[in-house]
Amino acid sequence: MSKFRRLGWLNRLALGLLGVLFVVLIGVFPSNSQEAQTLRVGTEPAFPPFEMKAETGELEGFDIDLMNAIGKEAGLKVEFLSLPFDGLIPALQANTIDAAISGMTITAERAQTIAFSRPYFKAGLALAVKEGNQEIKSFDDLKNKRIAVQIGTTGAGEAGKIEGAQVSQFDSAPLALQELANGRVDAVINDAPVTLYAIKQAQLQGIEVVGQLLTEEYFGIALPKNSPNIEKINGAIATLLENGTYNAIYEKWFGTAPPELPLAAPALEGATAQPFDYGKLFSNLLVGALVTLALTACSIFFGMIGGTLVAIALISPYTPLRWLCRAYVEFFRGTPMLVQIFMIYFGLPALLQGLGLNFNFERFPAAVLALSLNSAAYLAEIIRGGIQAVERGQWEASESLGMGSVETMRYVIFPQALRQMLPPLSNEFITLIKDTSLVAVIGFEELFRQGQLVVATTYRAFEVYAAVALVYLVLTSVSATGFRWLESYMNPLRKMSKAKA
């Protein structure tokens, strides 16, 4: 009997320990219901005054304050994630974020792939031009003009409808406005509050807004289809409108009382789904591939010339020249190419114009210059290594035959060095093909940018980017095959075996 009592005591002790362990595990590993209370919200912090970085590094703006108020009212913990504007909808489709707030206009096209909350802001597109421009006073004056817009926005859609217009699409609104400030475009079509903020608050000089608002639009919070948070967010917006919190946030950032907001955006009335046009995708990617090849060919041509000259300077006996070229190589190899592109295309014209020089870059020359300068730095080291790999006896033999330094380099040293340089040259050429995608940031419509433009209007991210990757794979594979053939063709052992045969 006592034995059974002892077992019962042990059982109670074991059950007690299991209970304590269960409580500890609950505390360490939150339940799914607790995780669901965190709302991951995507935003692009380059759209003032809606979302931007404060001096402290924290996010601030109208959208940020409103989303935090919505989260507090709905019992949701808001966690902001910074994403590019054209990446917000693909992120929602992939469920990597739970919502997106970034001044996103509610449109019928977007509503085909994502859901929207009720409208939270009434806006419209504004037309910005350089001060003193007498030719452009309204939307009707934009025919055959150069226009800058932000990719994936309703402004880009409106610009595409203008007859004869040359439209440049940038990753953010500030870049489009900077393009106008530098004088490379005639106008910018962008959301009115953002443009006015840039002119008045961000001290963007020499730009003014003309004419009336081009459109009447409504911003909404974007969510995945069938999101369980739609009702919570809509209910929170309604409460904030009723209790005056929305009015206080609006007046904080815009200094006026907010307009009336409808329950649903007029743009969604009678919306119908549009089929995906694979033929247009193929034609756009083909054009982009040709532009990519043209960029690569021009950049490798000028890069080889520059790289050869720098390589010769690096092995020359002139110390100042060696130091100068070494500094060039280290700078372009040690800084990101993206930064170099921004410095050349945006920074250099702004600097020279600030000094009173009317200087501007077109996109193609700027892209070729940036890619060539970067490629020349890498090619210089490849060529220098190839030249120095040739035995010193070859130089001495050429000198004994009475050949000058130029003849020796041309007929003896360089042909031998070229065979050793082919594998790294192949790598550099293939890398350059892929690096051309970076010039998309200045609105250049090469292969990657063409894919972005299709995604911005169709929101079919996986299919489009898979097709873009396939085209890049074809281009790099063909290039690699060509270099392998050239390496085999220049192999002296192959020539000797053919001669014996």
Protein backbone atom coordinates (compact mmCIF):
# COMPACT_ATOMS: atom_id res chain seq x y z
CA MET A 1 0.00 0.00 0.00
CA SER A 2 2.83 2.37 0.90
CA LYS A 3 4.45 1.54 -2.43
CA PHE A 4 1.39 2.76 -4.32
CA ARG A 5 1.25 5.90 -2.17
CA ARG A 6 4.88 6.64 -3.09
CA LEU A 7 4.08 6.20 -6.82
CA GLY A 8 1.11 8.57 -6.49
CA TRP A 9 3.35 11.18 -4.89
CA LEU A 10 5.87 10.79 -7.69
CA ASN A 11 3.15 11.11 -10.31
CA ARG A 12 1.88 14.34 -8.71
CA LEU A 13 5.43 15.70 -8.62
CA ALA A 14 5.96 14.83 -12.30
CA LEU A 15 2.66 16.46 -13.28
CA GLY A 16 3.61 19.57 -11.33
CA LEU A 17 6.99 19.81 -13.06
CA LEU A 18 5.32 19.37 -16.45
CA GLY A 19 2.92 22.18 -15.61
CA VAL A 20 5.76 24.51 -14.64
CA LEU A 21 7.62 23.58 -17.84
CA PHE A 22 4.52 24.30 -19.92
CA VAL A 23 4.14 27.77 -18.36
CA VAL A 24 7.83 28.53 -19.02
CA LEU A 25 7.54 27.43 -22.65
CA ILE A 26 4.53 29.66 -23.16
CA GLY A 27 6.55 32.60 -21.86
CA VAL A 28 9.60 31.82 -24.02
CA PHE A 29 7.75 30.90 -27.23
CA PRO A 30 4.81 33.24 -27.89
CA SER A 31 1.70 31.66 -29.26
CA ASN A 32 0.50 32.21 -32.82
CA SER A 33 -2.24 34.50 -31.56
CA GLN A 34 0.38 36.79 -30.02
CA GLU A 35 2.45 36.78 -33.24
CA ALA A 36 -0.64 37.71 -35.24
CA GLN A 37 -0.89 40.97 -33.27
CA THR A 38 2.24 42.30 -34.99
CA LEU A 39 1.43 44.01 -38.30
CA ARG A 40 4.39 44.21 -40.69
CA VAL A 41 3.86 47.38 -42.73
CA GLY A 42 5.94 48.15 -45.81
CA THR A 43 6.72 51.75 -46.71
CA GLU A 44 9.16 53.72 -48.86
CA PRO A 45 10.80 56.38 -46.65
CA ALA A 46 11.51 58.72 -49.58
CA PHE A 47 8.06 60.25 -50.01
CA PRO A 48 7.90 63.34 -47.77
CA PRO A 49 5.76 64.46 -46.03
CA PHE A 50 4.04 61.08 -45.96
CA GLU A 51 7.04 58.95 -44.97
CA MET A 52 10.65 59.96 -44.50
CA LYS A 53 13.63 59.55 -42.19
CA ALA A 54 13.90 61.95 -39.26
CA GLU A 55 17.24 63.33 -38.05
CA THR A 56 17.22 60.64 -35.36
CA GLY A 57 16.97 57.93 -38.01
CA GLU A 58 13.37 57.06 -37.09
CA LEU A 59 10.53 57.09 -39.60
CA GLU A 60 8.18 60.05 -39.52
CA GLY A 61 5.45 61.56 -41.67
CA PHE A 62 1.70 61.68 -42.11
CA ASP A 63 1.42 58.01 -43.09
CA ILE A 64 3.65 56.92 -40.21
CA ASP A 65 1.63 58.83 -37.59
CA LEU A 66 -1.65 57.61 -39.08
CA MET A 67 -0.54 53.98 -39.22
CA ASN A 68 0.66 54.08 -35.62
CA ALA A 69 -2.70 55.55 -34.57
CA ILE A 70 -4.54 52.84 -36.54
CA GLY A 71 -2.44 50.14 -34.90
CA LYS A 72 -3.14 51.53 -31.45
CA GLU A 73 -6.88 51.74 -32.13
CA ALA A 74 -7.05 48.25 -33.70
CA GLY A 75 -4.87 46.57 -31.06
CA LEU A 76 -2.08 45.82 -33.54
CA LYS A 77 1.65 46.29 -32.97
CA VAL A 78 2.95 48.10 -36.08
CA GLU A 79 6.40 47.16 -37.38
CA PHE A 80 7.60 49.23 -40.35
CA LEU A 81 9.78 47.73 -43.09
CA SER A 82 11.49 49.97 -45.68
CA LEU A 83 10.95 48.83 -49.29
CA PRO A 84 11.08 50.51 -52.73
CA PHE A 85 7.66 51.64 -53.92
CA ASP A 86 7.56 49.26 -56.88
CA GLY A 87 8.41 46.39 -54.52
CA LEU A 88 5.48 46.91 -52.14
CA ILE A 89 2.83 45.09 -54.16
CA PRO A 90 5.10 42.08 -54.94
CA ALA A 91 5.88 41.91 -51.20
CA LEU A 92 2.17 41.87 -50.42
CA GLN A 93 1.58 39.15 -52.98
CA ALA A 94 4.37 37.08 -51.42
CA ASN A 95 2.98 37.77 -47.90
CA THR A 96 6.37 39.02 -46.71
CA ILE A 97 4.52 42.07 -45.35
CA ASP A 98 0.98 42.33 -43.96
CA ALA A 99 0.18 45.83 -45.22
CA ALA A 100 1.71 48.76 -47.10
CA ILE A 101 1.24 52.49 -46.59
CA SER A 102 3.22 54.76 -48.88
CA GLY A 103 0.90 57.25 -50.52
CA MET A 104 -0.42 54.45 -52.73
CA THR A 105 -3.32 55.52 -54.96
CA ILE A 106 -6.30 53.18 -55.08
CA THR A 107 -6.65 52.04 -58.71
CA ALA A 108 -8.63 49.34 -60.45
CA GLU A 109 -5.44 47.75 -61.82
CA ARG A 110 -3.86 47.41 -58.38
CA ALA A 111 -7.12 46.14 -56.88
CA GLN A 112 -6.93 43.12 -59.19
CA THR A 113 -4.02 41.69 -57.21
CA ILE A 114 -4.26 43.28 -53.75
CA ALA A 115 -6.92 44.63 -51.40
CA PHE A 116 -7.30 48.23 -50.19
CA SER A 117 -8.62 49.77 -47.03
CA ARG A 118 -11.15 52.56 -47.24
CA PRO A 119 -9.55 55.82 -48.51
CA TYR A 120 -7.50 57.71 -45.93
CA PHE A 121 -6.28 60.66 -48.01
CA LYS A 122 -7.58 62.74 -50.91
CA ALA A 123 -4.85 63.77 -53.34
CA GLY A 124 -4.17 64.57 -56.96
CA LEU A 125 -1.34 64.83 -59.44
CA ALA A 126 0.45 68.15 -59.86
CA LEU A 127 2.57 69.45 -62.71
CA ALA A 128 5.97 70.88 -61.75
CA VAL A 129 8.22 72.86 -64.10
CA LYS A 130 11.29 75.09 -63.87
CA GLU A 131 10.57 78.62 -62.73
CA GLY A 132 10.03 80.97 -65.64
CA ASN A 133 8.88 78.25 -68.04
CA GLN A 134 6.33 79.97 -70.29
CA GLU A 135 5.68 77.00 -72.57
CA ILE A 136 4.07 74.65 -70.04
CA LYS A 137 1.07 75.94 -68.12
CA SER A 138 -1.21 72.88 -68.12
CA PHE A 139 -1.34 69.16 -68.87
CA ASP A 140 -2.25 69.92 -72.50
CA ASP A 141 1.14 71.61 -73.04
CA LEU A 142 3.13 68.41 -72.38
CA LYS A 143 2.89 67.03 -75.92
CA ASN A 144 6.37 66.07 -77.24
CA LYS A 145 7.97 67.19 -73.95
CA ARG A 146 10.44 65.40 -71.65
CA ILE A 147 8.72 64.25 -68.47
CA ALA A 148 10.09 62.64 -65.30
CA VAL A 149 7.93 60.44 -63.04
CA GLN A 150 8.28 57.87 -60.28
CA ILE A 151 8.04 54.29 -61.49
CA GLY A 152 4.81 52.43 -60.75
CA THR A 153 2.80 55.55 -59.86
CA THR A 154 -0.37 56.99 -61.34
CA GLY A 155 1.79 59.89 -62.54
CA ALA A 156 3.70 57.41 -64.72
CA GLY A 157 0.40 56.14 -66.10
CA GLU A 158 -0.81 59.64 -66.97
CA ALA A 159 2.52 60.55 -68.57
CA GLY A 160 2.30 57.45 -70.78
CA LYS A 161 -0.92 58.80 -72.32
CA ILE A 162 0.71 62.00 -73.60
CA GLU A 163 1.38 62.00 -77.33
CA GLY A 164 5.06 62.16 -78.25
CA ALA A 165 6.25 62.58 -74.66
CA GLN A 166 9.66 61.22 -73.62
CA VAL A 167 8.98 59.72 -70.21
CA SER A 168 11.81 58.95 -67.78
CA GLN A 169 10.89 56.80 -64.78
CA PHE A 170 12.88 56.94 -61.54
CA ASP A 171 12.82 54.89 -58.36
CA SER A 172 11.65 57.79 -56.17
CA ALA A 173 9.96 61.18 -56.46
CA PRO A 174 13.02 63.14 -55.22
CA LEU A 175 15.12 61.71 -58.07
CA ALA A 176 12.49 62.79 -60.60
CA LEU A 177 12.43 66.30 -59.12
CA GLN A 178 16.25 66.41 -59.12
CA GLU A 179 16.13 65.54 -62.83
CA LEU A 180 13.94 68.60 -63.36
CA ALA A 181 16.19 70.79 -61.21
CA ASN A 182 19.21 69.75 -63.31
CA GLY A 183 17.33 70.74 -66.47
CA ARG A 184 17.25 67.33 -68.15
CA VAL A 185 13.44 67.20 -68.37
CA ASP A 186 10.76 69.80 -68.98
CA ALA A 187 8.27 68.71 -66.30
CA VAL A 188 7.53 66.31 -63.47
CA ILE A 189 4.14 64.70 -62.85
CA ASN A 190 3.87 63.75 -59.21
CA ASP A 191 1.53 63.80 -56.21
CA ALA A 192 0.78 67.41 -55.30
CA PRO A 193 1.54 67.24 -51.53
CA VAL A 194 4.95 65.65 -52.16
CA THR A 195 5.91 68.19 -54.82
CA LEU A 196 4.79 71.14 -52.72
CA TYR A 197 6.67 69.80 -49.69
CA ALA A 198 9.86 69.40 -51.73
CA ILE A 199 9.63 72.98 -52.99
CA LYS A 200 8.67 74.66 -49.70
CA GLN A 201 10.27 72.52 -47.00
CA ALA A 202 13.19 70.71 -48.66
CA GLN A 203 14.46 73.93 -50.29
CA LEU A 204 14.32 72.58 -53.84
CA GLN A 205 15.07 75.78 -55.70
CA GLY A 206 13.98 76.84 -59.17
CA ILE A 207 10.82 74.69 -59.39
CA GLU A 208 7.16 75.69 -59.31
CA VAL A 209 3.77 73.98 -59.60
CA VAL A 210 1.56 75.20 -62.45
CA GLY A 211 -2.06 74.66 -63.43
CA GLN A 212 -4.78 72.82 -61.56
CA LEU A 213 -4.57 69.29 -60.16
CA LEU A 214 -4.51 66.85 -63.05
CA THR A 215 -6.51 64.14 -61.28
CA GLU A 216 -8.55 63.47 -58.15
CA GLU A 217 -7.19 60.43 -56.35
CA TYR A 218 -7.48 58.65 -53.03
CA PHE A 219 -4.74 56.89 -51.08
CA GLY A 220 -5.44 53.60 -49.36
CA ILE A 221 -3.62 51.11 -47.15
CA ALA A 222 -2.73 48.10 -49.30
CA LEU A 223 -3.17 44.56 -47.99
CA PRO A 224 -3.00 41.04 -49.41
CA LYS A 225 -6.18 39.63 -50.86
CA ASN A 226 -8.53 38.23 -48.18
CA SER A 227 -6.40 39.73 -45.40
CA PRO A 228 -7.97 39.26 -41.94
CA ASN A 229 -6.82 42.78 -41.01
CA ILE A 230 -9.00 44.70 -43.48
CA GLU A 231 -11.98 45.03 -41.14
CA LYS A 232 -9.76 45.99 -38.20
CA ILE A 233 -8.01 48.72 -40.20
CA ASN A 234 -11.24 50.07 -41.71
CA GLY A 235 -12.85 50.17 -38.29
CA ALA A 236 -9.84 51.98 -36.84
CA ILE A 237 -9.87 54.59 -39.64
CA ALA A 238 -13.58 55.22 -39.04
CA THR A 239 -12.96 55.70 -35.32
CA LEU A 240 -10.03 58.09 -35.94
CA LEU A 241 -12.21 60.15 -38.28
CA GLU A 242 -14.96 60.36 -35.68
CA ASN A 243 -12.90 61.17 -32.58
CA GLY A 244 -10.78 63.89 -34.21
CA THR A 245 -7.44 62.04 -34.16
CA TYR A 246 -7.29 61.99 -37.97
CA ASN A 247 -7.95 65.75 -38.12
CA ALA A 248 -5.14 66.43 -35.65
CA ILE A 249 -2.63 64.34 -37.64
CA TYR A 250 -3.68 65.99 -40.92
CA GLU A 251 -3.36 69.51 -39.52
CA LYS A 252 0.05 68.65 -38.03
CA TRP A 253 1.52 67.87 -41.46
CA PHE A 254 -0.52 70.04 -43.86
CA GLY A 255 -1.69 72.94 -41.72
CA THR A 256 -5.31 72.80 -42.89
CA ALA A 257 -8.48 70.88 -42.15
CA PRO A 258 -8.83 67.61 -44.10
CA PRO A 259 -11.39 67.17 -46.89
CA GLU A 260 -14.28 64.71 -46.70
CA LEU A 261 -13.39 61.11 -47.51
CA PRO A 262 -15.70 58.56 -49.19
CA LEU A 263 -16.25 55.04 -47.91
CA ALA A 264 -14.92 53.60 -51.18
CA ALA A 265 -12.66 54.99 -53.89
CA PRO A 266 -14.51 55.95 -57.11
CA ALA A 267 -11.74 54.28 -59.14
CA LEU A 268 -12.94 50.83 -58.05
CA GLU A 269 -16.42 51.24 -59.50
CA GLY A 270 -16.93 48.88 -62.45
CA ALA A 271 -13.35 47.58 -62.35
CA THR A 272 -12.65 44.59 -64.60
CA ALA A 273 -9.66 42.26 -64.79
CA GLN A 274 -7.26 42.62 -67.72
CA PRO A 275 -5.45 39.61 -69.25
CA PHE A 276 -1.67 39.43 -69.00
CA ASP A 277 -0.04 40.31 -72.34
CA TYR A 278 2.90 37.93 -72.81
CA GLY A 279 3.59 39.34 -76.28
CA LYS A 280 4.21 42.80 -74.83
CA LEU A 281 6.47 41.30 -72.18
CA PHE A 282 8.56 39.54 -74.85
CA SER A 283 8.88 42.68 -77.01
CA ASN A 284 9.84 44.86 -74.02
CA LEU A 285 12.49 42.40 -72.84
CA LEU A 286 13.89 42.10 -76.36
CA VAL A 287 14.30 45.88 -76.56
CA GLY A 288 15.88 45.88 -73.11
CA ALA A 289 18.29 43.09 -74.07
CA LEU A 290 19.47 45.06 -77.13
CA VAL A 291 20.05 48.15 -74.98
CA THR A 292 21.96 46.03 -72.44
CA LEU A 293 24.19 44.63 -75.19
CA ALA A 294 24.82 48.13 -76.57
CA LEU A 295 25.74 49.38 -73.11
CA THR A 296 28.04 46.42 -72.50
CA ALA A 297 29.77 46.70 -75.88
CA CYS A 298 30.43 50.45 -75.54
CA SER A 299 31.55 50.15 -71.92
CA ILE A 300 33.92 47.23 -72.53
CA PHE A 301 35.38 49.03 -75.58
CA PHE A 302 36.19 52.23 -73.69
CA GLY A 303 37.05 50.24 -70.59
CA MET A 304 39.66 48.22 -72.50
CA ILE A 305 41.25 51.40 -73.86
CA GLY A 306 41.31 53.05 -70.46
CA GLY A 307 42.35 49.86 -68.67
CA THR A 308 45.26 49.29 -71.05
CA LEU A 309 46.56 52.83 -70.59
CA VAL A 310 46.22 52.60 -66.81
CA ALA A 311 47.91 49.17 -66.77
CA ILE A 312 50.89 50.51 -68.73
CA ALA A 313 51.08 53.48 -66.36
CA LEU A 314 51.04 51.13 -63.35
CA ILE A 315 54.20 49.38 -64.59
CA SER A 316 55.90 52.53 -65.85
CA PRO A 317 59.02 53.93 -64.14
CA TYR A 318 57.30 57.28 -63.46
CA THR A 319 56.35 57.27 -59.77
CA PRO A 320 53.81 60.18 -59.76
CA LEU A 321 51.98 58.59 -62.70
CA ARG A 322 51.92 55.22 -60.93
CA TRP A 323 50.54 56.78 -57.75
CA LEU A 324 47.86 58.68 -59.67
CA CYS A 325 46.69 55.57 -61.54
CA ARG A 326 46.83 53.49 -58.37
CA ALA A 327 44.55 56.02 -56.65
CA TYR A 328 42.14 55.81 -59.61
CA VAL A 329 42.05 52.01 -59.47
CA GLU A 330 41.54 51.91 -55.70
CA PHE A 331 38.73 54.48 -55.82
CA PHE A 332 36.69 52.76 -58.53
CA ARG A 333 37.30 49.28 -57.13
CA GLY A 334 36.68 50.37 -53.54
CA THR A 335 33.38 52.24 -53.97
CA PRO A 336 30.01 50.82 -55.09
CA MET A 337 29.20 51.31 -58.75
CA LEU A 338 25.75 52.54 -57.74
CA VAL A 339 27.35 55.45 -55.88
CA GLN A 340 29.56 56.19 -58.90
CA ILE A 341 26.51 56.31 -61.19
CA PHE A 342 24.75 58.75 -58.87
CA MET A 343 27.87 60.92 -58.60
CA ILE A 344 28.30 61.12 -62.38
CA TYR A 345 24.66 61.54 -63.42
CA PHE A 346 23.18 63.60 -60.57
CA GLY A 347 26.12 64.96 -58.60
CA LEU A 348 28.46 66.19 -61.34
CA PRO A 349 25.88 68.33 -63.22
CA ALA A 350 24.60 69.79 -59.93
CA LEU A 351 28.17 70.65 -58.89
CA LEU A 352 29.06 72.30 -62.19
CA GLN A 353 25.77 74.17 -62.41
CA GLY A 354 26.41 75.46 -58.89
CA LEU A 355 29.70 76.86 -60.23
CA GLY A 356 27.85 78.64 -63.03
CA LEU A 357 28.55 76.11 -65.81
CA ASN A 358 25.56 74.94 -67.84
CA PHE A 359 26.46 71.25 -68.00
CA ASN A 360 24.23 68.19 -68.30
CA PHE A 361 24.56 64.50 -69.05
CA GLU A 362 22.24 62.48 -71.23
CA ARG A 363 21.49 59.08 -69.76
CA PHE A 364 23.34 56.94 -72.32
CA PRO A 365 26.67 58.81 -72.19
CA ALA A 366 26.44 59.00 -68.38
CA ALA A 367 25.76 55.26 -68.13
CA VAL A 368 28.60 54.38 -70.53
CA LEU A 369 30.98 56.71 -68.70
CA ALA A 370 30.20 55.24 -65.28
CA LEU A 371 30.41 51.64 -66.49
CA SER A 372 33.59 52.31 -68.49
CA LEU A 373 35.41 54.02 -65.64
CA ASN A 374 34.52 51.22 -63.25
CA SER A 375 35.37 48.48 -65.74
CA ALA A 376 38.70 50.15 -66.65
CA ALA A 377 39.83 49.92 -63.02
CA TYR A 378 39.29 46.15 -62.97
CA LEU A 379 40.63 45.63 -66.49
CA ALA A 380 43.78 47.58 -65.61
CA GLU A 381 44.67 45.05 -62.92
CA ILE A 382 43.87 42.14 -65.24
CA ILE A 383 46.04 43.56 -68.03
CA ARG A 384 48.85 44.52 -65.65
CA GLY A 385 48.90 41.01 -64.21
CA GLY A 386 48.89 39.46 -67.68
CA ILE A 387 51.79 41.63 -68.88
CA GLN A 388 53.91 41.00 -65.79
CA ALA A 389 53.25 37.26 -66.07
CA VAL A 390 55.27 37.15 -69.33
CA GLU A 391 58.84 36.11 -68.60
CA ARG A 392 61.46 38.85 -68.52
CA GLY A 393 63.49 36.90 -71.07
CA GLN A 394 60.93 37.78 -73.75
CA TRP A 395 61.71 41.48 -73.27
CA GLU A 396 65.43 40.82 -73.40
CA ALA A 397 65.13 38.70 -76.53
CA SER A 398 63.15 41.44 -78.27
CA GLU A 399 65.74 44.04 -77.32
CA SER A 400 68.53 41.86 -78.68
CA LEU A 401 66.68 41.78 -82.01
CA GLY A 402 66.61 45.57 -82.08
CA MET A 403 62.90 45.97 -81.36
CA GLY A 404 61.69 49.09 -79.56
CA SER A 405 59.47 49.06 -76.48
CA VAL A 406 56.31 49.71 -78.48
CA GLU A 407 57.09 46.96 -81.00
CA THR A 408 58.00 44.57 -78.20
CA MET A 409 54.72 45.20 -76.43
CA ARG A 410 52.70 44.95 -79.63
CA TYR A 411 54.22 41.89 -81.27
CA VAL A 412 55.74 39.88 -78.42
CA ILE A 413 54.46 40.66 -74.96
CA PHE A 414 50.79 41.54 -75.46
CA PRO A 415 49.86 38.49 -77.65
CA GLN A 416 51.26 36.19 -74.96
CA ALA A 417 49.65 38.16 -72.14
CA LEU A 418 46.28 38.16 -73.90
CA ARG A 419 46.01 34.37 -73.73
CA GLN A 420 46.54 34.50 -69.96
CA MET A 421 44.09 37.38 -69.59
CA LEU A 422 41.19 35.71 -71.41
CA PRO A 423 39.64 33.86 -68.41
CA PRO A 424 39.53 36.96 -66.14
CA LEU A 425 38.45 39.09 -69.13
CA SER A 426 35.56 36.67 -69.64
CA ASN A 427 34.54 37.09 -66.00
CA GLU A 428 34.69 40.88 -66.27
CA PHE A 429 32.60 40.91 -69.47
CA ILE A 430 29.92 38.69 -67.92
CA THR A 431 29.92 40.80 -64.75
CA LEU A 432 29.53 43.94 -66.84
CA ILE A 433 26.46 42.49 -68.58
CA LYS A 434 24.81 42.04 -65.19
CA ASP A 435 26.07 45.37 -63.81
CA THR A 436 24.25 47.27 -66.55
CA SER A 437 21.11 46.67 -64.48
CA LEU A 438 22.39 49.32 -62.03
CA VAL A 439 21.83 52.15 -64.52
CA ALA A 440 18.10 51.57 -64.05
CA VAL A 441 18.37 53.98 -61.09
CA ILE A 442 18.85 56.90 -63.51
CA GLY A 443 15.81 55.90 -65.55
CA PHE A 444 17.73 54.10 -68.28
CA GLU A 445 15.47 51.46 -69.82
CA GLU A 446 17.78 48.49 -70.20
CA LEU A 447 16.74 44.86 -69.62
CA PHE A 448 16.12 45.02 -65.87
CA ARG A 449 14.28 48.36 -66.10
CA GLN A 450 12.01 47.01 -68.81
CA GLY A 451 11.07 44.20 -66.45
CA GLN A 452 10.41 46.71 -63.66
CA LEU A 453 8.14 48.74 -65.93
CA VAL A 454 6.08 45.67 -66.79
CA VAL A 455 5.77 44.69 -63.12
CA ALA A 456 4.75 48.26 -62.24
CA THR A 457 1.65 47.96 -64.45
CA THR A 458 0.83 44.24 -64.31
CA TYR A 459 2.02 43.30 -60.77
CA ARG A 460 3.10 39.87 -62.05
CA ALA A 461 6.46 39.92 -60.31
CA PHE A 462 7.43 36.25 -60.45
CA GLU A 463 6.68 35.67 -64.14
CA VAL A 464 8.33 38.90 -65.27
CA TYR A 465 11.49 38.66 -63.18
CA ALA A 466 11.86 34.98 -64.06
CA ALA A 467 11.78 36.00 -67.74
CA VAL A 468 14.32 38.77 -67.07
CA ALA A 469 16.63 36.30 -65.31
CA LEU A 470 16.30 33.89 -68.24
CA VAL A 471 17.31 36.58 -70.74
CA TYR A 472 20.34 37.51 -68.61
CA LEU A 473 21.25 33.81 -68.42
CA VAL A 474 21.11 33.52 -72.21
CA LEU A 475 23.29 36.61 -72.69
CA THR A 476 25.92 35.51 -70.18
CA SER A 477 25.94 31.91 -71.43
CA VAL A 478 26.48 33.00 -75.03
CA SER A 479 29.27 35.34 -73.89
CA ALA A 480 30.95 32.60 -71.85
CA THR A 481 30.78 30.22 -74.82
CA GLY A 482 32.36 32.82 -77.09
CA PHE A 483 35.25 33.41 -74.70
CA ARG A 484 35.83 29.66 -74.31
CA TRP A 485 36.03 29.33 -78.09
CA LEU A 486 38.44 32.26 -78.29
CA GLU A 487 40.60 30.76 -75.54
CA SER A 488 40.72 27.45 -77.39
CA TYR A 489 41.43 29.18 -80.71
CA MET A 490 44.39 31.09 -79.27
CA ASN A 491 45.88 28.02 -77.56
CA PRO A 492 49.32 27.43 -79.15
CA LEU A 493 49.12 23.68 -78.48
CA ARG A 494 45.99 23.50 -80.61
CA LYS A 495 47.75 25.26 -83.48
CA MET A 496 50.74 22.93 -83.18
CA SER A 497 48.51 19.85 -83.30
CA LYS A 498 46.75 21.18 -86.40
CA ALA A 499 50.08 21.89 -88.07
CA LYS A 500 51.28 18.31 -87.43
CA ALA A 501 48.04 16.93 -88.83
